[in-house]
Amino acid sequence: WELIKTNKFGLYHITNSGEASKHDQAKYVLKKIKWNGNLVKAKTSDFNLMAKRASYSKLSNDKIERLLNKKMTNWKEAIDRYLEELFLLYYYKNIKLEIKYVENSFFYCIIRHF
């Protein structure tokens, strides 16, 4: 909402601050949920993908941070908050969580009432 209120139009990258690979993110999430399995690191080139992928694709928040005079939340803090919200949904709202991995992407959650 803060961006909309500025009435400044343009293309903005809005992502959490810091830098992490998908492997770094997965490793962090799995450690937080106390998963003890084996996480295998892979390169994009290990997959037979139809679309080409950039070898390095970090987005910059500089433009939006300057405009709003505000730093974006670090990716670890954002994951912590997300997991906390999922836990609260599970614990207080009787919602079942299924965490799954999708090939060449991050985790996604299926949330169901039971």
C-alpha atoms as a PDB file:
ATOM      1  CA  TRP A   1       0.000   0.000   0.000  1.00  0.00           C
ATOM      2  CA  GLU A   2       2.856   2.333   0.711  1.00  0.00           C
ATOM      3  CA  LEU A   3       3.939   2.178  -2.943  1.00  0.00           C
ATOM      4  CA  ILE A   4       0.414   2.812  -4.236  1.00  0.00           C
ATOM      5  CA  LYS A   5       0.093   5.869  -1.997  1.00  0.00           C
ATOM      6  CA  THR A   6       3.207   7.419  -3.594  1.00  0.00           C
ATOM      7  CA  ASN A   7       1.493   7.619  -6.983  1.00  0.00           C
ATOM      8  CA  LYS A   8       4.884   6.751  -8.570  1.00  0.00           C
ATOM      9  CA  PHE A   9       4.481   4.436 -11.538  1.00  0.00           C
ATOM     10  CA  GLY A  10       7.097   2.110 -12.935  1.00  0.00           C
ATOM     11  CA  LEU A  11       8.633  -1.328 -12.702  1.00  0.00           C
ATOM     12  CA  TYR A  12       9.702  -2.314  -9.189  1.00  0.00           C
ATOM     13  CA  HIS A  13      11.367  -5.481  -7.960  1.00  0.00           C
ATOM     14  CA  ILE A  14       9.964  -6.292  -4.547  1.00  0.00           C
ATOM     15  CA  THR A  15      11.614  -9.188  -2.810  1.00  0.00           C
ATOM     16  CA  ASN A  16      13.156  -9.894   0.544  1.00  0.00           C
ATOM     17  CA  SER A  17      16.624  -8.539   1.200  1.00  0.00           C
ATOM     18  CA  GLY A  18      19.713 -10.699   1.331  1.00  0.00           C
ATOM     19  CA  GLU A  19      20.898 -13.294  -1.083  1.00  0.00           C
ATOM     20  CA  ALA A  20      20.123 -17.018  -1.065  1.00  0.00           C
ATOM     21  CA  SER A  21      19.889 -19.827  -3.571  1.00  0.00           C
ATOM     22  CA  LYS A  22      16.881 -22.120  -3.642  1.00  0.00           C
ATOM     23  CA  HIS A  23      19.121 -24.659  -1.912  1.00  0.00           C
ATOM     24  CA  ASP A  24      19.967 -22.141   0.831  1.00  0.00           C
ATOM     25  CA  GLN A  25      16.273 -21.423   1.313  1.00  0.00           C
ATOM     26  CA  ALA A  26      15.307 -25.098   1.397  1.00  0.00           C
ATOM     27  CA  LYS A  27      18.139 -25.884   3.823  1.00  0.00           C
ATOM     28  CA  TYR A  28      16.997 -23.066   6.106  1.00  0.00           C
ATOM     29  CA  VAL A  29      13.320 -24.148   6.056  1.00  0.00           C
ATOM     30  CA  LEU A  30      14.156 -27.801   6.650  1.00  0.00           C
ATOM     31  CA  LYS A  31      16.421 -26.910   9.578  1.00  0.00           C
ATOM     32  CA  LYS A  32      13.651 -24.756  11.084  1.00  0.00           C
ATOM     33  CA  ILE A  33      11.117 -27.594  10.864  1.00  0.00           C
ATOM     34  CA  LYS A  34      13.721 -30.038  12.221  1.00  0.00           C
ATOM     35  CA  TRP A  35      13.724 -32.280   9.134  1.00  0.00           C
ATOM     36  CA  ASN A  36      16.630 -34.718   9.234  1.00  0.00           C
ATOM     37  CA  GLY A  37      16.619 -36.059   5.697  1.00  0.00           C
ATOM     38  CA  ASN A  38      19.216 -35.600   2.981  1.00  0.00           C
ATOM     39  CA  LEU A  39      18.954 -32.422   0.910  1.00  0.00           C
ATOM     40  CA  VAL A  40      20.850 -32.768  -2.361  1.00  0.00           C
ATOM     41  CA  LYS A  41      22.253 -29.653  -4.017  1.00  0.00           C
ATOM     42  CA  ALA A  42      21.632 -29.467  -7.761  1.00  0.00           C
ATOM     43  CA  LYS A  43      22.408 -27.051 -10.560  1.00  0.00           C
ATOM     44  CA  THR A  44      19.836 -25.782 -13.016  1.00  0.00           C
ATOM     45  CA  SER A  45      21.830 -27.541 -15.733  1.00  0.00           C
ATOM     46  CA  ASP A  46      21.035 -30.870 -14.002  1.00  0.00           C
ATOM     47  CA  PHE A  47      17.429 -30.528 -15.174  1.00  0.00           C
ATOM     48  CA  ASN A  48      16.149 -30.820 -18.718  1.00  0.00           C
ATOM     49  CA  LEU A  49      14.245 -27.533 -18.771  1.00  0.00           C
ATOM     50  CA  MET A  50      12.489 -26.185 -21.833  1.00  0.00           C
ATOM     51  CA  ALA A  51      13.206 -22.541 -20.962  1.00  0.00           C
ATOM     52  CA  LYS A  52      16.724 -21.225 -20.439  1.00  0.00           C
ATOM     53  CA  ARG A  53      17.521 -19.918 -16.976  1.00  0.00           C
ATOM     54  CA  ALA A  54      19.938 -17.186 -16.008  1.00  0.00           C
ATOM     55  CA  SER A  55      23.008 -18.365 -14.135  1.00  0.00           C
ATOM     56  CA  TYR A  56      22.583 -15.492 -11.671  1.00  0.00           C
ATOM     57  CA  SER A  57      19.260 -13.744 -11.135  1.00  0.00           C
ATOM     58  CA  LYS A  58      19.273 -11.745  -7.912  1.00  0.00           C
ATOM     59  CA  LEU A  59      16.659  -8.983  -7.937  1.00  0.00           C
ATOM     60  CA  SER A  60      17.551  -5.534  -6.608  1.00  0.00           C
ATOM     61  CA  ASN A  61      15.275  -3.703  -4.167  1.00  0.00           C
ATOM     62  CA  ASP A  62      17.293  -0.473  -4.452  1.00  0.00           C
ATOM     63  CA  LYS A  63      14.634   1.481  -6.371  1.00  0.00           C
ATOM     64  CA  ILE A  64      11.739   0.622  -4.035  1.00  0.00           C
ATOM     65  CA  GLU A  65      13.861   1.046  -0.892  1.00  0.00           C
ATOM     66  CA  ARG A  66      14.938   4.537  -2.005  1.00  0.00           C
ATOM     67  CA  LEU A  67      11.372   5.522  -2.895  1.00  0.00           C
ATOM     68  CA  LEU A  68       9.875   4.314   0.403  1.00  0.00           C
ATOM     69  CA  ASN A  69      12.971   5.035   2.524  1.00  0.00           C
ATOM     70  CA  LYS A  70      12.550   1.568   3.989  1.00  0.00           C
ATOM     71  CA  LYS A  71      14.637  -1.629   3.941  1.00  0.00           C
ATOM     72  CA  MET A  72      12.934  -4.845   2.861  1.00  0.00           C
ATOM     73  CA  THR A  73      12.780  -7.694   5.372  1.00  0.00           C
ATOM     74  CA  ASN A  74      15.624 -10.215   5.224  1.00  0.00           C
ATOM     75  CA  TRP A  75      14.669 -13.525   3.566  1.00  0.00           C
ATOM     76  CA  LYS A  76      15.347 -15.519   6.758  1.00  0.00           C
ATOM     77  CA  GLU A  77      13.089 -13.261   8.821  1.00  0.00           C
ATOM     78  CA  ALA A  78      10.378 -13.580   6.167  1.00  0.00           C
ATOM     79  CA  ILE A  79      10.598 -17.386   6.213  1.00  0.00           C
ATOM     80  CA  ASP A  80      10.492 -17.360  10.025  1.00  0.00           C
ATOM     81  CA  ARG A  81       7.335 -15.233   9.969  1.00  0.00           C
ATOM     82  CA  TYR A  82       5.747 -17.444   7.293  1.00  0.00           C
ATOM     83  CA  LEU A  83       6.464 -20.625   9.237  1.00  0.00           C
ATOM     84  CA  GLU A  84       5.155 -19.048  12.432  1.00  0.00           C
ATOM     85  CA  GLU A  85       1.916 -18.106  10.677  1.00  0.00           C
ATOM     86  CA  LEU A  86       1.585 -21.650   9.298  1.00  0.00           C
ATOM     87  CA  PHE A  87       2.158 -23.078  12.766  1.00  0.00           C
ATOM     88  CA  LEU A  88      -0.504 -20.783  14.241  1.00  0.00           C
ATOM     89  CA  LEU A  89      -2.958 -21.857  11.535  1.00  0.00           C
ATOM     90  CA  TYR A  90      -2.176 -25.488  12.285  1.00  0.00           C
ATOM     91  CA  TYR A  91      -2.292 -25.155  16.045  1.00  0.00           C
ATOM     92  CA  TYR A  92      -5.219 -22.793  16.549  1.00  0.00           C
ATOM     93  CA  LYS A  93      -7.415 -23.321  13.519  1.00  0.00           C
ATOM     94  CA  ASN A  94      -7.202 -27.127  13.165  1.00  0.00           C
ATOM     95  CA  ILE A  95      -5.719 -26.862   9.690  1.00  0.00           C
ATOM     96  CA  LYS A  96      -3.645 -29.696   8.254  1.00  0.00           C
ATOM     97  CA  LEU A  97      -0.442 -28.692   6.485  1.00  0.00           C
ATOM     98  CA  GLU A  98       1.225 -30.766   3.806  1.00  0.00           C
ATOM     99  CA  ILE A  99       4.620 -29.457   2.739  1.00  0.00           C
ATOM    100  CA  LYS A 100       5.714 -30.701  -0.679  1.00  0.00           C
ATOM    101  CA  TYR A 101       8.605 -30.066  -3.017  1.00  0.00           C
ATOM    102  CA  VAL A 102       8.009 -29.277  -6.667  1.00  0.00           C
ATOM    103  CA  GLU A 103      10.814 -30.072  -9.114  1.00  0.00           C
ATOM    104  CA  ASN A 104      13.017 -27.053  -9.786  1.00  0.00           C
ATOM    105  CA  SER A 105      11.020 -24.734  -7.568  1.00  0.00           C
ATOM    106  CA  PHE A 106      10.594 -24.077  -3.913  1.00  0.00           C
ATOM    107  CA  PHE A 107       8.272 -25.734  -1.446  1.00  0.00           C
ATOM    108  CA  TYR A 108       4.575 -25.193  -1.486  1.00  0.00           C
ATOM    109  CA  CYS A 109       1.986 -25.904   1.151  1.00  0.00           C
ATOM    110  CA  ILE A 110      -1.406 -27.451   0.822  1.00  0.00           C
ATOM    111  CA  ILE A 111      -3.626 -26.207   3.616  1.00  0.00           C
ATOM    112  CA  ARG A 112      -6.750 -28.157   4.482  1.00  0.00           C
ATOM    113  CA  HIS A 113      -9.328 -27.984   7.251  1.00  0.00           C
ATOM    114  CA  PHE A 114      -9.919 -31.279   9.033  1.00  0.00           C
END
